[in-house]
Amino acid sequence: MQVHSNKQKVTFTLLYTLLVLCSLAMLVPFIWMISSSLKLDKDVFTFPIEWIPSNPRWENYEEIWTTIPLGQFLKNTAKLTIIVTLLQLLTSSFAAYAFAKLQFKGRDILFLGYVATIAMPWQVYMVPQFMMIRSFGLNNTHLAIICLQAFSAFGVFLMKQFYMSVPDELCEAARIDGMSEYRIWAQIMLPLSKPALSTLTIFTFVNTWNDFLGPLLYLTRMELKTIQIGLRMFISQYSSEYGLIMAASVVALIPVVIVFLALQKFFVQGVATAGLKG
């Protein structure tokens, strides 16, 4: 019994050591980015790496706001990200409820066809989609990005899997009490799906905030561009100013970190419960 206990302790120790090492390996690039944001360009690639700069150059964080219109880029990105995230939460949860709890002809085939679009890379239909948006007169507007990203097959799949874990008897009891399908969705399903909604919020927020190709194609006017396009433009013009590039990258990363930390307690629960039923 004692031998089994000792083996279990050794196994847990090795497992946690491996997890810590993997975590450190993933954190090293972020630590290096923060460290480099406080250095002169000539000190960024020195070896051995000076993880804590002896003379931190805080001026980098001042210069990035005047070198490019970083404030406008952040404002545009926040606007698009918030609107797209809210729309995806609404459309994904609404459609998922219908697929999970309502019976109608062709439901399973329709769901399968919709989810199958996840396997198709965006680059495959990028050109015809661009021509369609241009024909609608939405090119060079934020509305183009909002319309294209307001619906998510992945979001519908995630929410449907969660809703399937909710007992059907709960919905049946609500129908007997006279509640409409809209009220069941809004007053019963949505409050129960906070973990799944939080998980979808994280995925959508991060993907929209970090989107590069979409804004690159549809937004050419300077006042409409997002932070990712701004960073690329910054790198093109000041490719040797790595300290400024890293400082701008740190600023762009802060909102993503805040959202993840705020919702991370629901993240694991949402991913786990979304796979309870297939």
C-alpha atoms as a PDB file:
ATOM      1  CA  MET A   1       0.000   0.000   0.000  1.00  0.00           C
ATOM      2  CA  GLN A   2       2.849   2.333   0.899  1.00  0.00           C
ATOM      3  CA  VAL A   3       4.663   1.467  -2.367  1.00  0.00           C
ATOM      4  CA  HIS A   4       1.524   2.287  -4.383  1.00  0.00           C
ATOM      5  CA  SER A   5       1.197   5.613  -2.562  1.00  0.00           C
ATOM      6  CA  ASN A   6       4.835   6.499  -3.246  1.00  0.00           C
ATOM      7  CA  LYS A   7       4.451   5.661  -6.948  1.00  0.00           C
ATOM      8  CA  GLN A   8       1.382   7.859  -7.125  1.00  0.00           C
ATOM      9  CA  LYS A   9       3.262  10.773  -5.522  1.00  0.00           C
ATOM     10  CA  VAL A  10       6.160  10.362  -7.962  1.00  0.00           C
ATOM     11  CA  THR A  11       3.737  10.265 -10.899  1.00  0.00           C
ATOM     12  CA  PHE A  12       1.958  13.430  -9.769  1.00  0.00           C
ATOM     13  CA  THR A  13       5.288  15.172  -9.154  1.00  0.00           C
ATOM     14  CA  LEU A  14       6.548  14.329 -12.652  1.00  0.00           C
ATOM     15  CA  LEU A  15       3.237  15.339 -14.192  1.00  0.00           C
ATOM     16  CA  TYR A  16       3.135  18.724 -12.478  1.00  0.00           C
ATOM     17  CA  THR A  17       6.803  19.324 -13.292  1.00  0.00           C
ATOM     18  CA  LEU A  18       6.080  18.652 -16.956  1.00  0.00           C
ATOM     19  CA  LEU A  19       3.069  20.978 -16.890  1.00  0.00           C
ATOM     20  CA  VAL A  20       5.115  23.752 -15.260  1.00  0.00           C
ATOM     21  CA  LEU A  21       7.879  23.374 -17.858  1.00  0.00           C
ATOM     22  CA  CYS A  22       5.344  23.469 -20.706  1.00  0.00           C
ATOM     23  CA  SER A  23       3.708  26.559 -19.204  1.00  0.00           C
ATOM     24  CA  LEU A  24       7.062  28.317 -18.898  1.00  0.00           C
ATOM     25  CA  ALA A  25       7.923  27.410 -22.484  1.00  0.00           C
ATOM     26  CA  MET A  26       4.704  29.051 -23.691  1.00  0.00           C
ATOM     27  CA  LEU A  27       5.212  32.112 -21.495  1.00  0.00           C
ATOM     28  CA  VAL A  28       8.807  32.767 -22.602  1.00  0.00           C
ATOM     29  CA  PRO A  29       7.829  34.581 -25.866  1.00  0.00           C
ATOM     30  CA  PHE A  30       5.460  36.884 -23.967  1.00  0.00           C
ATOM     31  CA  ILE A  31       8.068  37.619 -21.306  1.00  0.00           C
ATOM     32  CA  TRP A  32      10.623  38.350 -24.028  1.00  0.00           C
ATOM     33  CA  MET A  33       8.123  40.659 -25.767  1.00  0.00           C
ATOM     34  CA  ILE A  34       7.525  42.648 -22.576  1.00  0.00           C
ATOM     35  CA  SER A  35      11.257  42.801 -21.867  1.00  0.00           C
ATOM     36  CA  SER A  36      12.041  43.932 -25.430  1.00  0.00           C
ATOM     37  CA  SER A  37       9.403  46.654 -25.248  1.00  0.00           C
ATOM     38  CA  LEU A  38      11.568  48.405 -22.641  1.00  0.00           C
ATOM     39  CA  LYS A  39      14.810  48.300 -24.628  1.00  0.00           C
ATOM     40  CA  LEU A  40      16.565  50.206 -27.349  1.00  0.00           C
ATOM     41  CA  ASP A  41      16.580  48.564 -30.749  1.00  0.00           C
ATOM     42  CA  LYS A  42      20.243  47.585 -30.468  1.00  0.00           C
ATOM     43  CA  ASP A  43      19.607  45.744 -27.183  1.00  0.00           C
ATOM     44  CA  VAL A  44      16.609  43.646 -28.278  1.00  0.00           C
ATOM     45  CA  PHE A  45      18.595  40.786 -29.840  1.00  0.00           C
ATOM     46  CA  THR A  46      21.619  40.796 -27.544  1.00  0.00           C
ATOM     47  CA  PHE A  47      22.736  37.424 -26.195  1.00  0.00           C
ATOM     48  CA  PRO A  48      22.569  36.344 -23.461  1.00  0.00           C
ATOM     49  CA  ILE A  49      19.128  37.873 -23.113  1.00  0.00           C
ATOM     50  CA  GLU A  50      18.756  40.609 -20.533  1.00  0.00           C
ATOM     51  CA  TRP A  51      15.331  39.673 -19.207  1.00  0.00           C
ATOM     52  CA  ILE A  52      15.140  42.668 -16.866  1.00  0.00           C
ATOM     53  CA  PRO A  53      16.558  45.748 -18.655  1.00  0.00           C
ATOM     54  CA  SER A  54      19.072  47.634 -16.558  1.00  0.00           C
ATOM     55  CA  ASN A  55      17.848  50.934 -18.050  1.00  0.00           C
ATOM     56  CA  PRO A  56      14.178  50.475 -18.985  1.00  0.00           C
ATOM     57  CA  ARG A  57      13.129  52.722 -21.834  1.00  0.00           C
ATOM     58  CA  TRP A  58       9.571  53.683 -20.904  1.00  0.00           C
ATOM     59  CA  GLU A  59       9.609  56.243 -23.701  1.00  0.00           C
ATOM     60  CA  ASN A  60       8.740  53.429 -26.112  1.00  0.00           C
ATOM     61  CA  TYR A  61       5.223  53.399 -24.699  1.00  0.00           C
ATOM     62  CA  GLU A  62       4.927  57.132 -25.305  1.00  0.00           C
ATOM     63  CA  GLU A  63       6.283  57.148 -28.851  1.00  0.00           C
ATOM     64  CA  ILE A  64       3.962  54.465 -30.205  1.00  0.00           C
ATOM     65  CA  TRP A  65       0.947  56.764 -29.763  1.00  0.00           C
ATOM     66  CA  THR A  66       2.465  59.484 -31.953  1.00  0.00           C
ATOM     67  CA  THR A  67       4.293  57.331 -34.519  1.00  0.00           C
ATOM     68  CA  ILE A  68       1.009  55.803 -35.732  1.00  0.00           C
ATOM     69  CA  PRO A  69      -2.627  56.649 -34.831  1.00  0.00           C
ATOM     70  CA  LEU A  70      -2.686  53.802 -32.320  1.00  0.00           C
ATOM     71  CA  GLY A  71      -5.583  55.254 -30.343  1.00  0.00           C
ATOM     72  CA  GLN A  72      -7.858  55.297 -33.411  1.00  0.00           C
ATOM     73  CA  PHE A  73      -6.835  51.756 -34.323  1.00  0.00           C
ATOM     74  CA  LEU A  74      -7.648  50.520 -30.816  1.00  0.00           C
ATOM     75  CA  LYS A  75     -11.000  52.304 -30.874  1.00  0.00           C
ATOM     76  CA  ASN A  76     -11.921  50.720 -34.219  1.00  0.00           C
ATOM     77  CA  THR A  77     -10.836  47.268 -33.067  1.00  0.00           C
ATOM     78  CA  ALA A  78     -12.775  47.536 -29.809  1.00  0.00           C
ATOM     79  CA  LYS A  79     -15.896  48.671 -31.670  1.00  0.00           C
ATOM     80  CA  LEU A  80     -15.773  45.782 -34.146  1.00  0.00           C
ATOM     81  CA  THR A  81     -14.858  43.191 -31.518  1.00  0.00           C
ATOM     82  CA  ILE A  82     -17.626  44.133 -29.086  1.00  0.00           C
ATOM     83  CA  ILE A  83     -20.336  44.287 -31.776  1.00  0.00           C
ATOM     84  CA  VAL A  84     -19.267  41.015 -33.431  1.00  0.00           C
ATOM     85  CA  THR A  85     -18.999  39.224 -30.077  1.00  0.00           C
ATOM     86  CA  LEU A  86     -22.474  40.317 -28.974  1.00  0.00           C
ATOM     87  CA  LEU A  87     -23.988  39.363 -32.337  1.00  0.00           C
ATOM     88  CA  GLN A  88     -22.335  35.948 -32.320  1.00  0.00           C
ATOM     89  CA  LEU A  89     -23.568  35.264 -28.793  1.00  0.00           C
ATOM     90  CA  LEU A  90     -27.099  36.180 -29.897  1.00  0.00           C
ATOM     91  CA  THR A  91     -27.189  34.332 -33.221  1.00  0.00           C
ATOM     92  CA  SER A  92     -25.270  31.251 -32.064  1.00  0.00           C
ATOM     93  CA  SER A  93     -27.333  30.682 -28.915  1.00  0.00           C
ATOM     94  CA  PHE A  94     -30.605  31.338 -30.757  1.00  0.00           C
ATOM     95  CA  ALA A  95     -29.835  28.939 -33.615  1.00  0.00           C
ATOM     96  CA  ALA A  96     -28.374  26.347 -31.238  1.00  0.00           C
ATOM     97  CA  TYR A  97     -31.582  26.289 -29.207  1.00  0.00           C
ATOM     98  CA  ALA A  98     -33.592  25.507 -32.335  1.00  0.00           C
ATOM     99  CA  PHE A  99     -31.209  22.729 -33.379  1.00  0.00           C
ATOM    100  CA  ALA A 100     -31.074  21.216 -29.885  1.00  0.00           C
ATOM    101  CA  LYS A 101     -34.622  21.534 -28.550  1.00  0.00           C
ATOM    102  CA  LEU A 102     -37.008  21.967 -31.473  1.00  0.00           C
ATOM    103  CA  GLN A 103     -38.218  19.324 -33.896  1.00  0.00           C
ATOM    104  CA  PHE A 104     -38.595  20.341 -37.541  1.00  0.00           C
ATOM    105  CA  LYS A 105     -38.143  18.672 -40.909  1.00  0.00           C
ATOM    106  CA  GLY A 106     -34.552  18.437 -42.102  1.00  0.00           C
ATOM    107  CA  ARG A 107     -33.109  19.662 -38.787  1.00  0.00           C
ATOM    108  CA  ASP A 108     -30.216  17.222 -38.579  1.00  0.00           C
ATOM    109  CA  ILE A 109     -29.282  17.566 -42.262  1.00  0.00           C
ATOM    110  CA  LEU A 110     -29.366  21.358 -42.023  1.00  0.00           C
ATOM    111  CA  PHE A 111     -27.221  21.321 -38.901  1.00  0.00           C
ATOM    112  CA  LEU A 112     -24.735  18.922 -40.462  1.00  0.00           C
ATOM    113  CA  GLY A 113     -24.448  21.072 -43.575  1.00  0.00           C
ATOM    114  CA  TYR A 114     -23.992  24.250 -41.525  1.00  0.00           C
ATOM    115  CA  VAL A 115     -21.353  22.774 -39.236  1.00  0.00           C
ATOM    116  CA  ALA A 116     -19.554  21.242 -42.231  1.00  0.00           C
ATOM    117  CA  THR A 117     -18.664  24.773 -43.338  1.00  0.00           C
ATOM    118  CA  ILE A 118     -16.146  24.851 -40.479  1.00  0.00           C
ATOM    119  CA  ALA A 119     -13.961  22.480 -42.506  1.00  0.00           C
ATOM    120  CA  MET A 120     -13.823  24.912 -45.444  1.00  0.00           C
ATOM    121  CA  PRO A 121     -10.979  27.475 -45.138  1.00  0.00           C
ATOM    122  CA  TRP A 122     -12.018  31.083 -45.567  1.00  0.00           C
ATOM    123  CA  GLN A 123      -9.400  31.509 -48.291  1.00  0.00           C
ATOM    124  CA  VAL A 124     -11.443  29.177 -50.527  1.00  0.00           C
ATOM    125  CA  TYR A 125     -14.398  31.570 -50.812  1.00  0.00           C
ATOM    126  CA  MET A 126     -12.564  34.787 -49.950  1.00  0.00           C
ATOM    127  CA  VAL A 127     -12.665  36.250 -53.472  1.00  0.00           C
ATOM    128  CA  PRO A 128     -16.379  35.642 -54.256  1.00  0.00           C
ATOM    129  CA  GLN A 129     -17.260  36.901 -50.781  1.00  0.00           C
ATOM    130  CA  PHE A 130     -15.289  40.081 -51.421  1.00  0.00           C
ATOM    131  CA  MET A 131     -17.080  40.575 -54.756  1.00  0.00           C
ATOM    132  CA  MET A 132     -20.442  40.081 -53.040  1.00  0.00           C
ATOM    133  CA  ILE A 133     -19.653  42.619 -50.301  1.00  0.00           C
ATOM    134  CA  ARG A 134     -18.426  45.099 -52.908  1.00  0.00           C
ATOM    135  CA  SER A 135     -21.620  44.669 -54.932  1.00  0.00           C
ATOM    136  CA  PHE A 136     -23.594  45.525 -51.790  1.00  0.00           C
ATOM    137  CA  GLY A 137     -21.635  48.776 -51.466  1.00  0.00           C
ATOM    138  CA  LEU A 138     -20.220  47.779 -48.076  1.00  0.00           C
ATOM    139  CA  ASN A 139     -16.557  47.837 -49.030  1.00  0.00           C
ATOM    140  CA  ASN A 140     -14.492  50.183 -46.850  1.00  0.00           C
ATOM    141  CA  THR A 141     -17.036  50.130 -44.023  1.00  0.00           C
ATOM    142  CA  HIS A 142     -17.017  48.461 -40.624  1.00  0.00           C
ATOM    143  CA  LEU A 143     -20.414  47.014 -41.508  1.00  0.00           C
ATOM    144  CA  ALA A 144     -18.692  44.650 -43.956  1.00  0.00           C
ATOM    145  CA  ILE A 145     -16.673  43.030 -41.155  1.00  0.00           C
ATOM    146  CA  ILE A 146     -19.690  42.962 -38.829  1.00  0.00           C
ATOM    147  CA  CYS A 147     -21.957  41.254 -41.375  1.00  0.00           C
ATOM    148  CA  LEU A 148     -19.359  38.647 -42.299  1.00  0.00           C
ATOM    149  CA  GLN A 149     -18.546  37.692 -38.715  1.00  0.00           C
ATOM    150  CA  ALA A 150     -21.951  38.023 -37.051  1.00  0.00           C
ATOM    151  CA  PHE A 151     -22.681  34.321 -37.605  1.00  0.00           C
ATOM    152  CA  SER A 152     -20.479  31.427 -36.524  1.00  0.00           C
ATOM    153  CA  ALA A 153     -20.904  27.723 -37.297  1.00  0.00           C
ATOM    154  CA  PHE A 154     -18.467  26.919 -34.513  1.00  0.00           C
ATOM    155  CA  GLY A 155     -20.504  29.005 -32.072  1.00  0.00           C
ATOM    156  CA  VAL A 156     -23.716  27.197 -33.031  1.00  0.00           C
ATOM    157  CA  PHE A 157     -22.006  23.825 -32.616  1.00  0.00           C
ATOM    158  CA  LEU A 158     -20.583  24.778 -29.207  1.00  0.00           C
ATOM    159  CA  MET A 159     -23.893  26.099 -27.885  1.00  0.00           C
ATOM    160  CA  LYS A 160     -25.895  23.171 -29.293  1.00  0.00           C
ATOM    161  CA  GLN A 161     -23.684  20.664 -27.517  1.00  0.00           C
ATOM    162  CA  PHE A 162     -24.251  22.524 -24.257  1.00  0.00           C
ATOM    163  CA  TYR A 163     -28.014  22.796 -24.748  1.00  0.00           C
ATOM    164  CA  MET A 164     -28.235  19.051 -25.375  1.00  0.00           C
ATOM    165  CA  SER A 165     -26.974  18.505 -21.834  1.00  0.00           C
ATOM    166  CA  VAL A 166     -30.019  20.401 -20.493  1.00  0.00           C
ATOM    167  CA  PRO A 167     -32.907  17.953 -19.803  1.00  0.00           C
ATOM    168  CA  ASP A 168     -35.728  18.130 -22.357  1.00  0.00           C
ATOM    169  CA  GLU A 169     -38.198  17.810 -19.481  1.00  0.00           C
ATOM    170  CA  LEU A 170     -37.278  21.328 -18.394  1.00  0.00           C
ATOM    171  CA  CYS A 171     -38.397  22.777 -21.718  1.00  0.00           C
ATOM    172  CA  GLU A 172     -41.508  20.585 -21.785  1.00  0.00           C
ATOM    173  CA  ALA A 173     -42.534  21.813 -18.333  1.00  0.00           C
ATOM    174  CA  ALA A 174     -42.082  25.409 -19.465  1.00  0.00           C
ATOM    175  CA  ARG A 175     -44.238  24.792 -22.557  1.00  0.00           C
ATOM    176  CA  ILE A 176     -46.970  23.285 -20.386  1.00  0.00           C
ATOM    177  CA  ASP A 177     -46.857  26.448 -18.266  1.00  0.00           C
ATOM    178  CA  GLY A 178     -47.570  28.449 -21.409  1.00  0.00           C
ATOM    179  CA  MET A 179     -44.127  29.858 -22.124  1.00  0.00           C
ATOM    180  CA  SER A 180     -43.259  30.545 -25.755  1.00  0.00           C
ATOM    181  CA  GLU A 181     -40.071  29.229 -27.327  1.00  0.00           C
ATOM    182  CA  TYR A 182     -38.598  32.734 -27.208  1.00  0.00           C
ATOM    183  CA  ARG A 183     -39.213  32.992 -23.457  1.00  0.00           C
ATOM    184  CA  ILE A 184     -37.806  29.516 -22.838  1.00  0.00           C
ATOM    185  CA  TRP A 185     -34.647  30.500 -24.710  1.00  0.00           C
ATOM    186  CA  ALA A 186     -34.316  33.886 -23.006  1.00  0.00           C
ATOM    187  CA  GLN A 187     -35.393  33.043 -19.443  1.00  0.00           C
ATOM    188  CA  ILE A 188     -34.293  29.425 -19.045  1.00  0.00           C
ATOM    189  CA  MET A 189     -31.629  28.429 -21.550  1.00  0.00           C
ATOM    190  CA  LEU A 190     -29.525  31.586 -21.562  1.00  0.00           C
ATOM    191  CA  PRO A 191     -29.146  31.800 -17.744  1.00  0.00           C
ATOM    192  CA  LEU A 192     -28.141  28.126 -17.671  1.00  0.00           C
ATOM    193  CA  SER A 193     -25.571  28.521 -20.434  1.00  0.00           C
ATOM    194  CA  LYS A 194     -23.230  31.043 -18.806  1.00  0.00           C
ATOM    195  CA  PRO A 195     -20.188  28.696 -19.038  1.00  0.00           C
ATOM    196  CA  ALA A 196     -20.765  28.054 -22.747  1.00  0.00           C
ATOM    197  CA  LEU A 197     -21.466  31.734 -23.421  1.00  0.00           C
ATOM    198  CA  SER A 198     -18.269  32.703 -21.591  1.00  0.00           C
ATOM    199  CA  THR A 199     -16.276  30.196 -23.630  1.00  0.00           C
ATOM    200  CA  LEU A 200     -17.752  31.492 -26.881  1.00  0.00           C
ATOM    201  CA  THR A 201     -17.067  35.059 -25.769  1.00  0.00           C
ATOM    202  CA  ILE A 202     -13.380  34.285 -25.279  1.00  0.00           C
ATOM    203  CA  PHE A 203     -13.041  32.547 -28.654  1.00  0.00           C
ATOM    204  CA  THR A 204     -14.941  35.237 -30.539  1.00  0.00           C
ATOM    205  CA  PHE A 205     -13.249  38.157 -28.807  1.00  0.00           C
ATOM    206  CA  VAL A 206      -9.750  36.795 -29.412  1.00  0.00           C
ATOM    207  CA  ASN A 207     -10.426  35.839 -33.047  1.00  0.00           C
ATOM    208  CA  THR A 208     -12.029  39.173 -33.909  1.00  0.00           C
ATOM    209  CA  TRP A 209      -9.444  41.244 -32.049  1.00  0.00           C
ATOM    210  CA  ASN A 210      -6.571  39.412 -33.763  1.00  0.00           C
ATOM    211  CA  ASP A 211      -8.191  39.273 -37.205  1.00  0.00           C
ATOM    212  CA  PHE A 212      -5.769  40.541 -39.821  1.00  0.00           C
ATOM    213  CA  LEU A 213      -6.869  39.363 -43.256  1.00  0.00           C
ATOM    214  CA  GLY A 214     -10.481  40.541 -43.048  1.00  0.00           C
ATOM    215  CA  PRO A 215      -9.714  44.187 -42.199  1.00  0.00           C
ATOM    216  CA  LEU A 216      -6.798  44.095 -44.656  1.00  0.00           C
ATOM    217  CA  LEU A 217      -9.188  43.238 -47.510  1.00  0.00           C
ATOM    218  CA  TYR A 218     -12.161  45.417 -46.627  1.00  0.00           C
ATOM    219  CA  LEU A 219     -10.693  48.445 -44.835  1.00  0.00           C
ATOM    220  CA  THR A 220      -8.295  50.698 -46.751  1.00  0.00           C
ATOM    221  CA  ARG A 221      -9.078  54.109 -45.269  1.00  0.00           C
ATOM    222  CA  MET A 222      -6.761  55.071 -42.428  1.00  0.00           C
ATOM    223  CA  GLU A 223      -9.548  56.093 -40.045  1.00  0.00           C
ATOM    224  CA  LEU A 224     -11.186  52.650 -40.347  1.00  0.00           C
ATOM    225  CA  LYS A 225      -8.198  50.360 -39.819  1.00  0.00           C
ATOM    226  CA  THR A 226      -7.762  48.054 -36.831  1.00  0.00           C
ATOM    227  CA  ILE A 227      -4.867  47.475 -34.461  1.00  0.00           C
ATOM    228  CA  GLN A 228      -3.535  44.429 -36.328  1.00  0.00           C
ATOM    229  CA  ILE A 229      -3.367  46.370 -39.591  1.00  0.00           C
ATOM    230  CA  GLY A 230      -1.815  49.237 -37.661  1.00  0.00           C
ATOM    231  CA  LEU A 231       0.931  46.986 -36.314  1.00  0.00           C
ATOM    232  CA  ARG A 232       1.646  45.654 -39.793  1.00  0.00           C
ATOM    233  CA  MET A 233       1.805  49.184 -41.160  1.00  0.00           C
ATOM    234  CA  PHE A 234       4.064  50.142 -38.284  1.00  0.00           C
ATOM    235  CA  ILE A 235       6.408  47.251 -39.016  1.00  0.00           C
ATOM    236  CA  SER A 236       6.545  48.130 -42.712  1.00  0.00           C
ATOM    237  CA  GLN A 237       7.615  51.684 -42.033  1.00  0.00           C
ATOM    238  CA  TYR A 238       9.778  51.156 -38.954  1.00  0.00           C
ATOM    239  CA  SER A 239      11.017  47.598 -39.336  1.00  0.00           C
ATOM    240  CA  SER A 240      14.215  48.298 -37.354  1.00  0.00           C
ATOM    241  CA  GLU A 241      12.452  49.846 -34.348  1.00  0.00           C
ATOM    242  CA  TYR A 242      11.789  46.553 -32.598  1.00  0.00           C
ATOM    243  CA  GLY A 243      11.412  48.185 -29.190  1.00  0.00           C
ATOM    244  CA  LEU A 244       8.463  50.232 -30.468  1.00  0.00           C
ATOM    245  CA  ILE A 245       6.976  47.228 -32.238  1.00  0.00           C
ATOM    246  CA  MET A 246       7.086  45.181 -29.037  1.00  0.00           C
ATOM    247  CA  ALA A 247       5.597  48.032 -27.007  1.00  0.00           C
ATOM    248  CA  ALA A 248       2.683  48.342 -29.435  1.00  0.00           C
ATOM    249  CA  SER A 249       2.199  44.560 -29.331  1.00  0.00           C
ATOM    250  CA  VAL A 250       2.012  44.630 -25.529  1.00  0.00           C
ATOM    251  CA  VAL A 251      -0.658  47.339 -25.651  1.00  0.00           C
ATOM    252  CA  ALA A 252      -2.635  45.319 -28.214  1.00  0.00           C
ATOM    253  CA  LEU A 253      -2.442  42.220 -26.015  1.00  0.00           C
ATOM    254  CA  ILE A 254      -3.799  43.841 -22.833  1.00  0.00           C
ATOM    255  CA  PRO A 255      -7.569  43.738 -23.728  1.00  0.00           C
ATOM    256  CA  VAL A 256      -7.330  40.045 -24.690  1.00  0.00           C
ATOM    257  CA  VAL A 257      -5.657  39.202 -21.376  1.00  0.00           C
ATOM    258  CA  ILE A 258      -8.292  41.154 -19.421  1.00  0.00           C
ATOM    259  CA  VAL A 259     -11.186  39.348 -21.135  1.00  0.00           C
ATOM    260  CA  PHE A 260      -9.585  35.946 -20.644  1.00  0.00           C
ATOM    261  CA  LEU A 261      -8.828  36.526 -16.960  1.00  0.00           C
ATOM    262  CA  ALA A 262     -12.357  37.812 -16.376  1.00  0.00           C
ATOM    263  CA  LEU A 263     -13.982  34.734 -17.941  1.00  0.00           C
ATOM    264  CA  GLN A 264     -11.392  32.005 -17.427  1.00  0.00           C
ATOM    265  CA  LYS A 265     -13.212  30.473 -14.434  1.00  0.00           C
ATOM    266  CA  PHE A 266     -16.056  29.534 -16.816  1.00  0.00           C
ATOM    267  CA  PHE A 267     -13.776  28.512 -19.684  1.00  0.00           C
ATOM    268  CA  VAL A 268     -12.881  24.957 -18.634  1.00  0.00           C
ATOM    269  CA  GLN A 269     -16.425  24.291 -17.432  1.00  0.00           C
ATOM    270  CA  GLY A 270     -17.865  25.514 -20.722  1.00  0.00           C
ATOM    271  CA  VAL A 271     -15.561  23.367 -22.858  1.00  0.00           C
ATOM    272  CA  ALA A 272     -16.222  20.306 -20.685  1.00  0.00           C
ATOM    273  CA  THR A 273     -19.994  20.594 -20.557  1.00  0.00           C
ATOM    274  CA  ALA A 274     -20.226  21.331 -24.290  1.00  0.00           C
ATOM    275  CA  GLY A 275     -19.047  17.779 -24.944  1.00  0.00           C
ATOM    276  CA  LEU A 276     -21.350  15.889 -22.596  1.00  0.00           C
ATOM    277  CA  LYS A 277     -23.643  14.780 -25.418  1.00  0.00           C
ATOM    278  CA  GLY A 278     -22.878  14.242 -29.080  1.00  0.00           C
END
